[in-house]
Protein backbone atom coordinates (compact mmCIF):
# COMPACT_ATOMS: atom_id res chain seq x y z
CA MET A 1 13.11 -18.27 -42.53
CA VAL A 2 14.70 -20.74 -43.73
CA THR A 3 18.33 -18.38 -43.79
CA GLU A 4 17.66 -17.51 -40.24
CA THR A 5 16.63 -20.89 -38.71
CA VAL A 6 20.02 -22.72 -40.58
CA ILE A 7 22.32 -19.96 -39.20
CA SER A 8 20.77 -19.97 -35.45
CA GLN A 9 21.29 -23.65 -35.30
CA GLY A 10 24.93 -23.36 -34.41
CA ALA A 11 24.89 -20.09 -32.92
CA ASP A 12 23.24 -21.87 -29.47
CA ALA A 13 26.09 -22.86 -28.35
CA PHE A 14 28.18 -20.03 -28.05
CA VAL A 15 26.04 -17.66 -26.04
CA ASP A 16 28.41 -16.76 -23.82
CA ARG A 17 31.08 -16.01 -26.39
CA PRO A 18 30.16 -13.65 -28.94
CA ILE A 19 33.00 -13.98 -31.52
CA GLU A 20 32.44 -17.32 -31.57
CA ALA A 21 29.28 -17.48 -32.96
CA LEU A 22 29.31 -14.79 -35.11
CA LYS A 23 31.81 -17.10 -36.51
CA VAL A 24 29.47 -19.77 -36.93
CA ILE A 25 26.82 -17.69 -38.35
CA VAL A 26 29.41 -16.55 -41.01
CA LEU A 27 30.39 -20.15 -41.69
CA ASN A 28 26.40 -21.21 -41.84
CA TYR A 29 25.79 -18.01 -44.61
CA ASP A 30 29.06 -19.30 -46.48
CA ARG A 31 27.43 -22.58 -46.64
CA LEU A 32 23.93 -21.24 -47.37
CA VAL A 33 25.63 -19.53 -50.23
CA ARG A 34 27.63 -22.19 -51.72
CA THR A 35 24.03 -24.87 -51.51
CA GLY A 36 22.28 -21.86 -53.64
CA LEU A 37 20.16 -20.86 -51.27
CA LEU A 38 21.49 -17.29 -50.95
CA PRO A 39 22.87 -15.20 -53.96
CA ASP A 40 26.28 -14.67 -53.30
CA GLY A 41 27.12 -10.61 -53.21
CA ALA A 42 26.74 -8.27 -49.81
CA ARG A 43 26.07 -10.55 -47.23
CA THR A 44 22.70 -8.77 -45.76
CA ILE A 45 19.95 -10.33 -44.08
CA SER A 46 16.84 -7.81 -43.98
CA PRO A 47 14.46 -8.95 -41.15
CA SER A 48 10.46 -8.51 -41.81
CA LEU A 49 8.11 -5.50 -40.91
CA PRO A 50 6.85 -7.48 -37.74
CA ARG A 51 10.48 -7.95 -36.36
CA TYR A 52 11.22 -4.23 -36.61
CA LEU A 53 7.74 -3.47 -35.27
CA LEU A 54 8.53 -5.73 -32.56
CA ALA A 55 12.44 -4.36 -31.61
CA GLY A 56 10.59 -0.50 -31.67
CA GLY A 57 7.74 -1.93 -29.45
CA ALA A 58 10.25 -3.27 -27.00
CA VAL A 59 12.74 0.14 -27.04
CA VAL A 60 9.50 2.08 -26.35
CA GLY A 61 8.35 0.00 -23.87
CA VAL A 62 11.67 -0.11 -22.10
CA VAL A 63 11.46 3.60 -22.49
CA ALA A 64 8.31 4.00 -20.97
CA GLY A 65 8.93 2.02 -18.19
CA ALA A 66 12.20 3.85 -17.68
CA ALA A 67 10.10 7.21 -17.58
CA ALA A 68 7.15 5.45 -15.25
CA LEU A 69 10.04 4.15 -12.53
CA TRP A 70 11.65 7.45 -12.79
CA LEU A 71 8.26 9.61 -12.31
CA GLY A 72 7.26 7.15 -9.21
CA GLY A 73 10.60 7.69 -7.53
CA ARG A 74 10.19 11.18 -7.93
CA ARG A 75 6.50 11.28 -6.43
CA ALA A 76 8.18 8.70 -3.65
CA GLY A 77 10.73 10.96 -2.83
CA ARG A 78 8.52 13.61 -2.06
CA LEU A 79 6.31 12.05 0.27
CA ALA A 80 9.20 11.02 1.81
CA ASP A 81 10.51 14.15 1.96
CA ALA A 82 6.91 15.58 3.18
CA ARG A 83 6.80 13.15 6.02
CA ARG A 84 10.78 13.97 7.30
CA ALA A 85 9.90 17.12 7.01
CA GLY A 86 6.17 16.44 9.43
CA ARG A 87 8.31 14.22 11.44
CA ASP A 88 11.51 17.10 12.13
CA ALA A 89 9.06 19.61 12.79
CA ARG A 90 6.78 17.33 15.82
CA ALA A 91 10.76 16.97 16.78
CA ASP A 92 11.06 20.42 17.13
CA GLU A 93 7.53 21.38 18.79
CA ARG A 94 8.88 18.66 20.73
CA ALA A 95 11.63 19.78 21.72
CA ALA A 96 10.20 23.18 22.58
CA LEU A 97 7.96 21.74 24.81
CA GLY A 98 10.70 19.79 26.96
CA ALA A 99 12.95 23.60 26.75
CA ALA A 100 9.57 24.44 28.84
CA THR A 101 9.33 22.17 31.24
CA ALA A 102 12.26 22.30 32.13
CA VAL A 103 12.01 26.21 32.48
CA LEU A 104 9.26 25.31 34.84
CA ALA A 105 10.95 22.99 36.75
CA GLN A 106 13.36 25.40 37.66
CA GLN A 107 11.03 28.18 38.73
CA ILE A 108 9.14 25.61 40.82
CA ILE A 109 12.53 24.74 42.59
CA ASP A 110 13.02 28.24 43.17
CA LEU A 111 10.01 28.62 44.59
CA ASP A 112 10.94 25.27 46.58
CA ARG A 113 12.30 28.13 49.61
CA THR A 114 9.39 30.07 50.19
CA GLY A 115 6.47 27.22 50.73
CA GLY A 116 3.20 28.07 50.70
CA PRO A 117 -0.42 26.05 48.98
CA GLY A 118 0.01 27.47 46.22
CA TYR A 119 3.11 26.07 45.59
CA LEU A 120 2.10 22.70 46.33
CA ARG A 121 -0.92 23.21 44.22
CA LEU A 122 1.22 24.18 41.06
CA ALA A 123 3.93 21.30 41.87
CA GLY A 124 0.79 18.75 41.62
CA ASP A 125 -0.50 20.18 38.62
CA TYR A 126 2.85 19.74 37.29
CA VAL A 127 3.82 16.23 37.81
CA GLY A 128 0.13 15.87 36.08
CA LEU A 129 1.41 17.58 33.35
CA LEU A 130 4.96 15.75 32.92
CA ASP A 131 2.83 12.46 33.07
CA GLU A 132 0.95 13.89 29.86
CA VAL A 133 4.30 15.55 28.36
CA SER A 134 6.30 11.93 28.67
CA ASP A 135 3.36 9.70 27.60
CA PRO A 136 3.85 9.96 23.72
CA ASP A 137 0.58 8.02 22.88
CA SER A 138 -1.55 10.60 24.67
CA GLY A 139 -3.88 12.35 22.24
CA ASP A 140 -3.04 15.99 23.64
CA SER A 141 -1.83 18.03 21.04
CA VAL A 142 1.86 19.47 21.88
CA GLY A 143 -0.02 23.34 21.32
CA ARG A 144 -2.28 22.61 24.47
CA LEU A 145 0.65 20.91 26.48
CA ARG A 146 3.02 24.41 25.94
CA ASP A 147 -0.26 26.25 26.66
CA ARG A 148 -0.73 24.33 29.64
CA VAL A 149 2.76 24.76 30.60
CA GLU A 150 3.05 28.69 30.10
CA GLU A 151 -0.31 28.70 32.05
CA LEU A 152 1.94 27.27 35.32
CA SER A 153 4.94 29.28 34.38
CA ARG A 154 2.35 32.42 34.81
CA ARG A 155 1.12 30.97 38.07
CA ALA A 156 4.81 30.37 39.07
CA SER A 157 5.88 33.80 38.39
CA ASP A 158 2.75 35.73 39.83
CA LEU A 159 3.57 33.46 42.90
CA ALA A 160 7.24 34.16 42.81
CA ALA A 161 6.08 37.51 42.47
CA ASP A 162 4.30 37.79 45.77
CA ALA A 163 6.47 36.28 47.90
CA ALA A 164 9.14 38.52 46.82
CA ALA A 165 6.76 41.33 47.72
CA GLY A 166 5.77 39.52 51.16
CA GLY A 167 9.19 39.11 51.80
CA THR A 168 10.84 42.64 50.83
CA ALA A 169 7.71 43.78 52.78
CA GLY A 170 8.53 41.99 55.92
CA ARG A 171 11.47 42.58 55.93
CA ASN A 172 11.02 46.72 54.95
CA ARG A 173 8.42 46.19 58.70
CA ALA A 174 11.20 43.91 60.92
CA ARG A 175 13.74 46.45 59.85
CA THR A 176 11.11 50.01 60.88
CA ARG A 177 10.18 48.01 63.90
CA GLY A 178 13.73 47.72 65.01
CA ARG A 179 14.94 51.55 64.63
CA GLY A 180 11.50 52.69 66.04
CA ARG A 181 13.19 51.08 69.28
CA ARG A 182 16.30 52.28 69.44
């Protein structure tokens, strides 16, 4: 105990310079040998068992802390990856909904030439649907909105088929009438 306290008294001034601190320790050790407090011979200082235990505990603590941080980082990474995958999936669903809505808009534009009561009702339903699609805070799920877009798209296809059938039949009647008069 005396040896450790005497040797460290002079080394405190050299905290940032380890070589000079080692020189001071060696000089103090030599002084202790000359005074007879330490035997002359091999210059080894054997720390006591509690110091070994303290050093071992510090090493175990550092390793355990590093392992805990590593495991916590892996768990946080997995959670972040799962959240990112969920956000990507929702963004993909929203993009698919936007594409389906754009196709429906084109169908409505194509039906604009034919007009009719069914067209006006379809256009009104489409405007209502756009309010729900453009509101990100709406409680509607993307799947339900997608089903509504598909239903409106079927209605637009049916209206287009009716208009094509009615327009073709009307043109055929006009041609038949024209031929009969000649």
